[in-house]
N, C-alpha and C. Protein backbone atom coordinates (compact mmCIF):
# COMPACT_ATOMS: atom_id res chain seq x y z
N UNK A 1 -24.44 22.72 -2.08
CA UNK A 1 -25.86 22.70 -2.37
C UNK A 1 -26.49 21.49 -1.69
N UNK A 2 -27.55 21.67 -0.95
CA UNK A 2 -28.25 20.57 -0.29
C UNK A 2 -29.22 19.93 -1.26
N UNK A 3 -29.34 18.61 -1.14
CA UNK A 3 -30.25 17.87 -2.00
C UNK A 3 -31.21 17.08 -1.11
N UNK A 4 -32.37 16.78 -1.63
CA UNK A 4 -33.37 16.04 -0.87
C UNK A 4 -33.03 14.56 -0.84
N UNK A 5 -33.02 13.96 0.37
CA UNK A 5 -32.81 12.52 0.51
C UNK A 5 -34.12 11.76 0.57
N UNK A 6 -35.26 12.43 0.52
CA UNK A 6 -36.53 11.78 0.69
C UNK A 6 -37.25 11.50 -0.62
N UNK A 7 -36.52 11.23 -1.68
CA UNK A 7 -37.14 11.00 -2.97
C UNK A 7 -37.25 9.51 -3.24
N UNK A 8 -37.90 9.15 -4.30
CA UNK A 8 -38.17 7.75 -4.61
C UNK A 8 -37.41 7.30 -5.84
N UNK A 9 -37.54 6.03 -6.12
CA UNK A 9 -36.94 5.40 -7.28
C UNK A 9 -37.29 6.14 -8.56
N UNK A 10 -38.51 6.59 -8.67
CA UNK A 10 -38.99 7.23 -9.89
C UNK A 10 -38.40 8.62 -10.11
N UNK A 11 -37.96 9.29 -9.05
CA UNK A 11 -37.48 10.67 -9.18
C UNK A 11 -35.97 10.80 -9.09
N UNK A 12 -35.30 9.89 -8.44
CA UNK A 12 -33.86 10.00 -8.26
C UNK A 12 -33.49 11.10 -7.29
N UNK A 13 -32.20 11.25 -7.02
CA UNK A 13 -31.71 12.30 -6.13
C UNK A 13 -30.21 12.42 -6.25
N UNK A 14 -29.67 13.45 -5.63
CA UNK A 14 -28.22 13.66 -5.59
C UNK A 14 -27.83 13.86 -4.13
N UNK A 15 -26.64 13.39 -3.80
CA UNK A 15 -26.06 13.62 -2.47
C UNK A 15 -24.72 14.30 -2.66
N UNK A 16 -24.48 15.35 -1.91
CA UNK A 16 -23.19 16.02 -1.95
C UNK A 16 -22.13 15.15 -1.28
N UNK A 17 -20.84 15.40 -1.57
CA UNK A 17 -19.78 14.68 -0.86
C UNK A 17 -19.96 14.81 0.64
N UNK A 18 -19.83 13.69 1.34
CA UNK A 18 -19.99 13.68 2.78
C UNK A 18 -21.43 13.53 3.24
N UNK A 19 -22.37 13.62 2.33
CA UNK A 19 -23.78 13.49 2.68
C UNK A 19 -24.21 12.04 2.50
N UNK A 20 -25.10 11.57 3.37
CA UNK A 20 -25.61 10.21 3.29
C UNK A 20 -27.04 10.17 3.77
N UNK A 21 -27.74 9.11 3.43
CA UNK A 21 -29.07 8.90 3.97
C UNK A 21 -28.97 8.54 5.45
N UNK A 22 -27.89 7.80 5.79
CA UNK A 22 -27.67 7.36 7.17
C UNK A 22 -26.20 6.96 7.31
N UNK A 23 -25.58 7.38 8.40
CA UNK A 23 -24.21 6.98 8.72
C UNK A 23 -24.25 5.95 9.83
N UNK A 24 -23.56 4.83 9.62
CA UNK A 24 -23.49 3.76 10.61
C UNK A 24 -22.09 3.75 11.22
N UNK A 25 -21.99 4.08 12.50
CA UNK A 25 -20.71 4.07 13.21
C UNK A 25 -20.39 2.62 13.58
N UNK A 26 -19.37 2.07 12.94
CA UNK A 26 -19.00 0.68 13.14
C UNK A 26 -17.90 0.52 14.19
N UNK A 27 -17.55 1.62 14.86
CA UNK A 27 -16.55 1.57 15.93
C UNK A 27 -15.16 1.82 15.42
N UNK A 28 -14.30 2.25 16.33
CA UNK A 28 -12.88 2.50 16.03
C UNK A 28 -12.67 3.45 14.85
N UNK A 29 -13.61 4.38 14.64
CA UNK A 29 -13.46 5.36 13.57
C UNK A 29 -13.92 4.89 12.21
N UNK A 30 -14.45 3.68 12.12
CA UNK A 30 -14.96 3.16 10.84
C UNK A 30 -16.43 3.50 10.70
N UNK A 31 -16.82 3.94 9.49
CA UNK A 31 -18.19 4.37 9.23
C UNK A 31 -18.65 3.80 7.89
N UNK A 32 -19.89 3.31 7.88
CA UNK A 32 -20.55 2.94 6.63
C UNK A 32 -21.65 3.96 6.38
N UNK A 33 -21.57 4.67 5.25
CA UNK A 33 -22.54 5.70 4.90
C UNK A 33 -23.47 5.16 3.82
N UNK A 34 -24.75 5.02 4.18
CA UNK A 34 -25.73 4.51 3.23
C UNK A 34 -26.10 5.61 2.24
N UNK A 35 -25.88 5.35 0.96
CA UNK A 35 -26.16 6.32 -0.10
C UNK A 35 -27.44 5.98 -0.86
N UNK A 36 -27.68 4.69 -1.09
CA UNK A 36 -28.92 4.20 -1.70
C UNK A 36 -29.28 2.92 -0.96
N UNK A 37 -30.54 2.77 -0.58
CA UNK A 37 -30.99 1.55 0.10
C UNK A 37 -32.15 0.95 -0.68
N UNK A 38 -32.65 -0.15 -0.19
CA UNK A 38 -33.80 -0.79 -0.81
C UNK A 38 -35.03 0.09 -0.83
N UNK A 39 -35.12 0.99 0.14
CA UNK A 39 -36.27 1.90 0.18
C UNK A 39 -36.30 2.80 -1.05
N UNK A 40 -35.15 3.29 -1.47
CA UNK A 40 -35.09 4.17 -2.63
C UNK A 40 -35.13 3.38 -3.95
N UNK A 41 -34.59 2.15 -3.94
CA UNK A 41 -34.44 1.41 -5.20
C UNK A 41 -35.44 0.28 -5.38
N UNK A 42 -36.49 0.26 -4.55
CA UNK A 42 -37.47 -0.82 -4.60
C UNK A 42 -36.81 -2.19 -4.50
N UNK A 43 -35.77 -2.27 -3.64
CA UNK A 43 -35.11 -3.54 -3.38
C UNK A 43 -34.05 -3.96 -4.38
N UNK A 44 -33.74 -3.11 -5.34
CA UNK A 44 -32.80 -3.50 -6.39
C UNK A 44 -31.34 -3.43 -5.98
N UNK A 45 -30.96 -2.38 -5.20
CA UNK A 45 -29.53 -2.16 -4.97
C UNK A 45 -29.32 -1.39 -3.67
N UNK A 46 -28.19 -1.65 -3.03
CA UNK A 46 -27.71 -0.85 -1.91
C UNK A 46 -26.35 -0.30 -2.30
N UNK A 47 -26.13 0.98 -2.04
CA UNK A 47 -24.83 1.61 -2.30
C UNK A 47 -24.34 2.21 -0.99
N UNK A 48 -23.10 1.87 -0.65
CA UNK A 48 -22.50 2.27 0.62
C UNK A 48 -21.14 2.90 0.35
N UNK A 49 -20.85 4.01 1.03
CA UNK A 49 -19.48 4.52 1.07
C UNK A 49 -18.92 4.14 2.42
N UNK A 50 -17.78 3.49 2.43
CA UNK A 50 -17.18 3.06 3.68
C UNK A 50 -15.85 3.72 3.92
N UNK A 51 -15.57 3.99 5.20
CA UNK A 51 -14.24 4.38 5.65
C UNK A 51 -13.87 3.40 6.75
N UNK A 52 -12.82 2.63 6.51
CA UNK A 52 -12.37 1.66 7.50
C UNK A 52 -10.98 2.06 7.95
N UNK A 53 -10.83 2.21 9.25
CA UNK A 53 -9.53 2.59 9.83
C UNK A 53 -8.60 1.39 9.93
N UNK A 54 -9.15 0.23 10.32
CA UNK A 54 -8.34 -0.98 10.40
C UNK A 54 -9.25 -2.20 10.46
N UNK A 55 -8.72 -3.32 10.00
CA UNK A 55 -9.45 -4.58 10.06
C UNK A 55 -10.53 -4.68 9.01
N UNK A 56 -11.40 -5.68 9.22
CA UNK A 56 -12.49 -5.94 8.31
C UNK A 56 -13.25 -7.17 8.75
N UNK A 57 -14.27 -7.56 8.01
CA UNK A 57 -15.09 -8.70 8.39
C UNK A 57 -14.36 -10.02 8.16
N UNK A 58 -14.80 -11.08 8.81
CA UNK A 58 -14.21 -12.39 8.54
C UNK A 58 -14.59 -12.89 7.14
N UNK A 59 -13.89 -13.93 6.71
CA UNK A 59 -14.20 -14.57 5.44
C UNK A 59 -15.66 -15.05 5.51
N UNK A 60 -16.47 -14.67 4.53
CA UNK A 60 -17.89 -14.99 4.57
C UNK A 60 -18.43 -15.18 3.15
N UNK A 61 -19.66 -15.63 3.08
CA UNK A 61 -20.34 -15.88 1.81
C UNK A 61 -21.67 -15.16 1.83
N UNK A 62 -22.03 -14.52 0.75
CA UNK A 62 -23.38 -13.99 0.59
C UNK A 62 -24.18 -15.04 -0.17
N UNK A 63 -25.23 -15.53 0.45
CA UNK A 63 -26.04 -16.57 -0.18
C UNK A 63 -26.80 -16.04 -1.40
N UNK A 64 -27.24 -14.78 -1.36
CA UNK A 64 -28.14 -14.30 -2.42
C UNK A 64 -27.82 -12.88 -2.88
N UNK A 65 -26.59 -12.41 -2.67
CA UNK A 65 -26.23 -11.04 -3.06
C UNK A 65 -24.91 -11.06 -3.83
N UNK A 66 -24.80 -10.18 -4.79
CA UNK A 66 -23.55 -9.92 -5.49
C UNK A 66 -23.03 -8.58 -5.00
N UNK A 67 -21.70 -8.44 -4.98
CA UNK A 67 -21.09 -7.23 -4.40
C UNK A 67 -19.91 -6.76 -5.24
N UNK A 68 -19.85 -5.45 -5.41
CA UNK A 68 -18.71 -4.80 -6.07
C UNK A 68 -18.15 -3.79 -5.07
N UNK A 69 -16.83 -3.76 -4.95
CA UNK A 69 -16.15 -2.77 -4.11
C UNK A 69 -15.14 -2.04 -4.98
N UNK A 70 -15.17 -0.70 -4.92
CA UNK A 70 -14.20 0.14 -5.63
C UNK A 70 -13.44 0.94 -4.58
N UNK A 71 -12.12 0.78 -4.54
CA UNK A 71 -11.29 1.50 -3.59
C UNK A 71 -11.13 2.94 -4.09
N UNK A 72 -11.43 3.90 -3.22
CA UNK A 72 -11.35 5.32 -3.58
C UNK A 72 -10.05 5.93 -3.05
N UNK A 73 -9.71 5.61 -1.81
CA UNK A 73 -8.46 6.10 -1.19
C UNK A 73 -7.87 4.99 -0.34
N UNK A 74 -6.54 4.92 -0.32
CA UNK A 74 -5.87 3.95 0.52
C UNK A 74 -5.70 2.61 -0.16
N UNK A 75 -5.49 1.58 0.67
CA UNK A 75 -5.28 0.21 0.19
C UNK A 75 -6.20 -0.73 0.94
N UNK A 76 -6.61 -1.79 0.24
CA UNK A 76 -7.51 -2.77 0.83
C UNK A 76 -7.02 -4.17 0.47
N UNK A 77 -6.70 -4.96 1.50
CA UNK A 77 -6.39 -6.37 1.28
C UNK A 77 -7.70 -7.10 1.02
N UNK A 78 -7.62 -8.18 0.23
CA UNK A 78 -8.83 -8.92 -0.09
C UNK A 78 -8.53 -10.40 -0.25
N UNK A 79 -9.58 -11.18 -0.12
CA UNK A 79 -9.57 -12.58 -0.52
C UNK A 79 -10.89 -12.83 -1.24
N UNK A 80 -10.81 -13.43 -2.42
CA UNK A 80 -11.99 -13.86 -3.17
C UNK A 80 -11.71 -15.30 -3.60
N UNK A 81 -12.52 -16.23 -3.10
CA UNK A 81 -12.20 -17.64 -3.29
C UNK A 81 -10.88 -17.92 -2.60
N UNK A 82 -9.92 -18.48 -3.33
CA UNK A 82 -8.59 -18.76 -2.76
C UNK A 82 -7.56 -17.69 -3.11
N UNK A 83 -7.97 -16.67 -3.88
CA UNK A 83 -7.05 -15.62 -4.31
C UNK A 83 -6.92 -14.54 -3.25
N UNK A 84 -5.67 -14.22 -2.89
CA UNK A 84 -5.38 -13.14 -1.94
C UNK A 84 -4.66 -12.03 -2.69
N UNK A 85 -4.90 -10.78 -2.29
CA UNK A 85 -4.21 -9.67 -2.91
C UNK A 85 -4.45 -8.37 -2.17
N UNK A 86 -3.94 -7.30 -2.76
CA UNK A 86 -4.12 -5.95 -2.20
C UNK A 86 -4.45 -5.02 -3.36
N UNK A 87 -5.43 -4.14 -3.13
CA UNK A 87 -5.82 -3.16 -4.13
C UNK A 87 -5.50 -1.75 -3.65
N UNK A 88 -5.07 -0.92 -4.59
CA UNK A 88 -4.87 0.51 -4.32
C UNK A 88 -6.07 1.27 -4.86
N UNK A 89 -6.08 2.57 -4.63
CA UNK A 89 -7.15 3.44 -5.12
C UNK A 89 -7.38 3.21 -6.61
N UNK A 90 -8.65 3.08 -6.98
CA UNK A 90 -9.02 2.82 -8.37
C UNK A 90 -9.26 1.35 -8.64
N UNK A 91 -8.81 0.46 -7.74
CA UNK A 91 -9.01 -0.98 -7.93
C UNK A 91 -10.44 -1.39 -7.65
N UNK A 92 -10.85 -2.49 -8.27
CA UNK A 92 -12.22 -2.99 -8.16
C UNK A 92 -12.22 -4.46 -7.77
N UNK A 93 -13.14 -4.83 -6.90
CA UNK A 93 -13.37 -6.22 -6.52
C UNK A 93 -14.77 -6.63 -6.93
N UNK A 94 -14.91 -7.84 -7.47
CA UNK A 94 -16.20 -8.42 -7.80
C UNK A 94 -16.36 -9.67 -6.96
N UNK A 95 -17.40 -9.69 -6.11
CA UNK A 95 -17.69 -10.83 -5.24
C UNK A 95 -19.06 -11.39 -5.63
N UNK A 96 -19.10 -12.40 -6.50
CA UNK A 96 -20.39 -12.99 -6.83
C UNK A 96 -20.96 -13.75 -5.63
N UNK A 97 -22.27 -13.88 -5.61
CA UNK A 97 -22.90 -14.63 -4.53
C UNK A 97 -22.31 -16.03 -4.45
N UNK A 98 -22.26 -16.54 -3.24
CA UNK A 98 -21.80 -17.89 -2.90
C UNK A 98 -20.31 -18.12 -3.11
N UNK A 99 -19.54 -17.04 -3.28
CA UNK A 99 -18.09 -17.15 -3.35
C UNK A 99 -17.52 -16.56 -2.06
N UNK A 100 -16.74 -17.34 -1.28
CA UNK A 100 -16.16 -16.81 -0.04
C UNK A 100 -15.29 -15.59 -0.33
N UNK A 101 -15.44 -14.57 0.52
CA UNK A 101 -14.65 -13.35 0.32
C UNK A 101 -14.50 -12.59 1.63
N UNK A 102 -13.50 -11.73 1.65
CA UNK A 102 -13.25 -10.84 2.79
C UNK A 102 -12.40 -9.69 2.30
N UNK A 103 -12.49 -8.58 3.03
CA UNK A 103 -11.62 -7.43 2.81
C UNK A 103 -11.12 -6.97 4.16
N UNK A 104 -9.98 -6.30 4.16
CA UNK A 104 -9.44 -5.75 5.41
C UNK A 104 -8.47 -4.63 5.09
N UNK A 105 -8.50 -3.63 5.93
CA UNK A 105 -7.49 -2.57 5.87
C UNK A 105 -6.40 -2.97 6.87
N UNK A 106 -5.24 -3.33 6.35
CA UNK A 106 -4.13 -3.79 7.18
C UNK A 106 -2.97 -2.81 7.17
N UNK A 107 -3.22 -1.58 6.67
CA UNK A 107 -2.13 -0.62 6.46
C UNK A 107 -1.91 0.33 7.63
N UNK A 108 -2.89 0.49 8.51
CA UNK A 108 -2.78 1.48 9.58
C UNK A 108 -3.19 2.88 9.15
N UNK A 109 -3.58 3.03 7.88
CA UNK A 109 -4.08 4.31 7.36
C UNK A 109 -5.50 4.09 6.86
N UNK A 110 -6.38 5.10 6.97
CA UNK A 110 -7.77 4.90 6.54
C UNK A 110 -7.88 4.50 5.08
N UNK A 111 -8.89 3.69 4.80
CA UNK A 111 -9.23 3.28 3.44
C UNK A 111 -10.67 3.69 3.19
N UNK A 112 -10.91 4.30 2.03
CA UNK A 112 -12.27 4.71 1.66
C UNK A 112 -12.66 3.96 0.39
N UNK A 113 -13.89 3.47 0.36
CA UNK A 113 -14.35 2.67 -0.77
C UNK A 113 -15.84 2.85 -0.98
N UNK A 114 -16.29 2.46 -2.15
CA UNK A 114 -17.72 2.41 -2.49
C UNK A 114 -18.07 0.94 -2.68
N UNK A 115 -19.18 0.52 -2.09
CA UNK A 115 -19.68 -0.84 -2.25
C UNK A 115 -21.07 -0.78 -2.86
N UNK A 116 -21.30 -1.62 -3.86
CA UNK A 116 -22.61 -1.76 -4.48
C UNK A 116 -23.03 -3.22 -4.31
N UNK A 117 -24.21 -3.43 -3.70
CA UNK A 117 -24.71 -4.77 -3.42
C UNK A 117 -26.08 -4.91 -4.06
N UNK A 118 -26.29 -6.03 -4.75
CA UNK A 118 -27.59 -6.28 -5.35
C UNK A 118 -28.00 -7.73 -5.11
N UNK A 119 -29.25 -7.99 -4.77
CA UNK A 119 -30.28 -7.00 -4.46
C UNK A 119 -30.00 -6.32 -3.13
N UNK A 120 -30.83 -5.34 -2.79
CA UNK A 120 -30.65 -4.60 -1.54
C UNK A 120 -31.09 -5.45 -0.35
N UNK A 121 -30.95 -4.89 0.82
CA UNK A 121 -31.36 -5.56 2.05
C UNK A 121 -30.23 -5.70 3.05
N UNK A 122 -28.99 -5.68 2.57
CA UNK A 122 -27.85 -5.84 3.46
C UNK A 122 -27.73 -4.68 4.45
N UNK A 123 -28.36 -3.55 4.13
CA UNK A 123 -28.28 -2.41 5.04
C UNK A 123 -28.86 -2.74 6.41
N UNK A 124 -29.88 -3.59 6.47
CA UNK A 124 -30.43 -3.99 7.77
C UNK A 124 -29.42 -4.83 8.55
N UNK A 125 -28.69 -5.68 7.86
CA UNK A 125 -27.62 -6.47 8.49
C UNK A 125 -26.52 -5.55 9.01
N UNK A 126 -26.13 -4.54 8.23
CA UNK A 126 -25.12 -3.58 8.69
C UNK A 126 -25.60 -2.84 9.94
N UNK A 127 -26.87 -2.49 9.99
CA UNK A 127 -27.41 -1.83 11.20
C UNK A 127 -27.32 -2.77 12.41
N UNK A 128 -27.63 -4.04 12.19
CA UNK A 128 -27.51 -5.03 13.27
C UNK A 128 -26.08 -5.21 13.73
N UNK A 129 -25.13 -5.23 12.80
CA UNK A 129 -23.72 -5.31 13.16
C UNK A 129 -23.32 -4.09 13.98
N UNK A 130 -23.74 -2.91 13.54
CA UNK A 130 -23.43 -1.68 14.27
C UNK A 130 -23.95 -1.78 15.70
N UNK A 131 -25.18 -2.23 15.86
CA UNK A 131 -25.78 -2.33 17.19
C UNK A 131 -25.03 -3.33 18.05
N UNK A 132 -24.64 -4.47 17.47
CA UNK A 132 -23.86 -5.46 18.22
C UNK A 132 -22.50 -4.90 18.62
N UNK A 133 -21.80 -4.29 17.68
CA UNK A 133 -20.46 -3.76 17.96
C UNK A 133 -20.50 -2.68 19.03
N UNK A 134 -21.60 -1.92 19.11
CA UNK A 134 -21.73 -0.86 20.11
C UNK A 134 -21.82 -1.42 21.53
N UNK A 135 -22.14 -2.71 21.67
CA UNK A 135 -22.23 -3.32 23.00
C UNK A 135 -20.87 -3.77 23.52
N UNK A 136 -19.86 -3.80 22.67
CA UNK A 136 -18.53 -4.29 23.07
C UNK A 136 -17.73 -3.20 23.76
N UNK A 137 -16.89 -3.60 24.69
CA UNK A 137 -15.96 -2.66 25.31
C UNK A 137 -14.97 -2.20 24.25
N UNK A 138 -14.53 -0.93 24.32
CA UNK A 138 -13.58 -0.43 23.32
C UNK A 138 -12.35 -1.34 23.19
N UNK A 139 -12.01 -1.65 21.95
CA UNK A 139 -10.85 -2.49 21.67
C UNK A 139 -11.11 -3.98 21.79
N UNK A 140 -12.30 -4.38 22.21
CA UNK A 140 -12.63 -5.81 22.33
C UNK A 140 -13.00 -6.38 20.96
N UNK A 141 -12.47 -7.55 20.64
CA UNK A 141 -12.84 -8.16 19.36
C UNK A 141 -14.25 -8.73 19.43
N UNK A 142 -14.94 -8.79 18.30
CA UNK A 142 -16.28 -9.39 18.30
C UNK A 142 -16.22 -10.88 18.63
N UNK A 143 -17.19 -11.36 19.34
CA UNK A 143 -17.34 -12.78 19.63
C UNK A 143 -18.00 -13.44 18.43
N UNK A 144 -17.40 -14.48 17.85
CA UNK A 144 -18.00 -15.10 16.66
C UNK A 144 -19.44 -15.56 16.88
N UNK A 145 -19.77 -16.04 18.07
CA UNK A 145 -21.13 -16.50 18.34
C UNK A 145 -22.08 -15.31 18.40
N UNK A 146 -21.65 -14.23 19.06
CA UNK A 146 -22.47 -13.02 19.12
C UNK A 146 -22.66 -12.41 17.74
N UNK A 147 -21.59 -12.42 16.96
CA UNK A 147 -21.66 -11.85 15.61
C UNK A 147 -22.61 -12.67 14.74
N UNK A 148 -22.58 -14.00 14.91
CA UNK A 148 -23.44 -14.88 14.12
C UNK A 148 -24.91 -14.74 14.51
N UNK A 149 -25.19 -14.15 15.68
CA UNK A 149 -26.56 -13.98 16.14
C UNK A 149 -27.20 -12.69 15.60
N UNK A 150 -26.43 -11.85 14.91
CA UNK A 150 -26.98 -10.62 14.33
C UNK A 150 -28.01 -11.02 13.28
N UNK A 151 -29.22 -10.44 13.32
CA UNK A 151 -30.22 -10.77 12.30
C UNK A 151 -29.68 -10.57 10.89
N UNK A 152 -29.85 -11.58 10.06
CA UNK A 152 -29.34 -11.55 8.69
C UNK A 152 -28.05 -12.32 8.52
N UNK A 153 -27.39 -12.67 9.63
CA UNK A 153 -26.11 -13.38 9.54
C UNK A 153 -26.27 -14.76 8.90
N UNK A 154 -27.45 -15.36 9.06
CA UNK A 154 -27.67 -16.69 8.49
C UNK A 154 -27.62 -16.66 6.96
N UNK A 155 -27.85 -15.51 6.35
CA UNK A 155 -27.78 -15.36 4.89
C UNK A 155 -26.38 -14.99 4.43
N UNK A 156 -25.48 -14.74 5.40
CA UNK A 156 -24.11 -14.33 5.10
C UNK A 156 -23.17 -15.05 6.05
N UNK A 157 -23.12 -16.39 5.97
CA UNK A 157 -22.37 -17.16 6.97
C UNK A 157 -20.86 -16.91 6.91
N UNK A 158 -20.27 -16.92 8.09
CA UNK A 158 -18.82 -16.82 8.24
C UNK A 158 -18.23 -18.19 7.93
N UNK A 159 -17.19 -18.21 7.09
CA UNK A 159 -16.56 -19.48 6.70
C UNK A 159 -15.07 -19.49 7.00
N UNK A 160 -14.56 -18.42 7.65
CA UNK A 160 -13.14 -18.36 8.00
C UNK A 160 -12.85 -17.11 8.80
N UNK A 161 -11.62 -16.97 9.23
CA UNK A 161 -11.25 -15.82 10.07
C UNK A 161 -11.09 -14.54 9.24
N UNK A 162 -11.01 -13.39 9.94
CA UNK A 162 -10.67 -12.15 9.22
C UNK A 162 -9.28 -12.27 8.60
N UNK A 163 -9.03 -11.44 7.61
CA UNK A 163 -7.71 -11.43 6.97
C UNK A 163 -6.66 -10.91 7.94
N UNK A 164 -5.50 -11.51 7.85
CA UNK A 164 -4.34 -11.08 8.65
C UNK A 164 -3.23 -10.71 7.69
N UNK A 165 -2.25 -9.94 8.17
CA UNK A 165 -1.13 -9.59 7.29
C UNK A 165 -0.48 -10.85 6.69
N UNK A 166 -0.11 -10.77 5.43
CA UNK A 166 0.58 -11.88 4.76
C UNK A 166 2.03 -11.89 5.19
N UNK A 167 2.54 -13.08 5.38
CA UNK A 167 3.95 -13.18 5.79
C UNK A 167 4.88 -13.38 4.63
């Protein structure tokens, strides 16, 4: 059953599995699917379904956003503050604002998750990341300086490298 994506905060809406307001191709088979953005929630919340084939963002801090990640399929390595670990399907991560954190898929198998960020606005940063990543040659790692130049990066500064396999 198809549902309308053009509704407002006051009316609500439903999205079928696989349906999104917008899909962001992050390269290498990874996709962020925007389910709720600031436009629908009057700036209150962003909800994203992600599929990451491998890797993840570097250790970073959100200056003014709180984030929850729920693993739906696969495994996701994480760091929150100084704590490192791995979550399986059904696991939840809570990343309060101003706490360094990172996630990465280090298994070689796709990982699917739901992310809820409040307040909204991070979707514009994700679009900027997508646009930057699209300029790279396939298989090329992002340049930290180029990545830091993405609009919105100043509100989400990088404070360490991406997660690597634990020895």
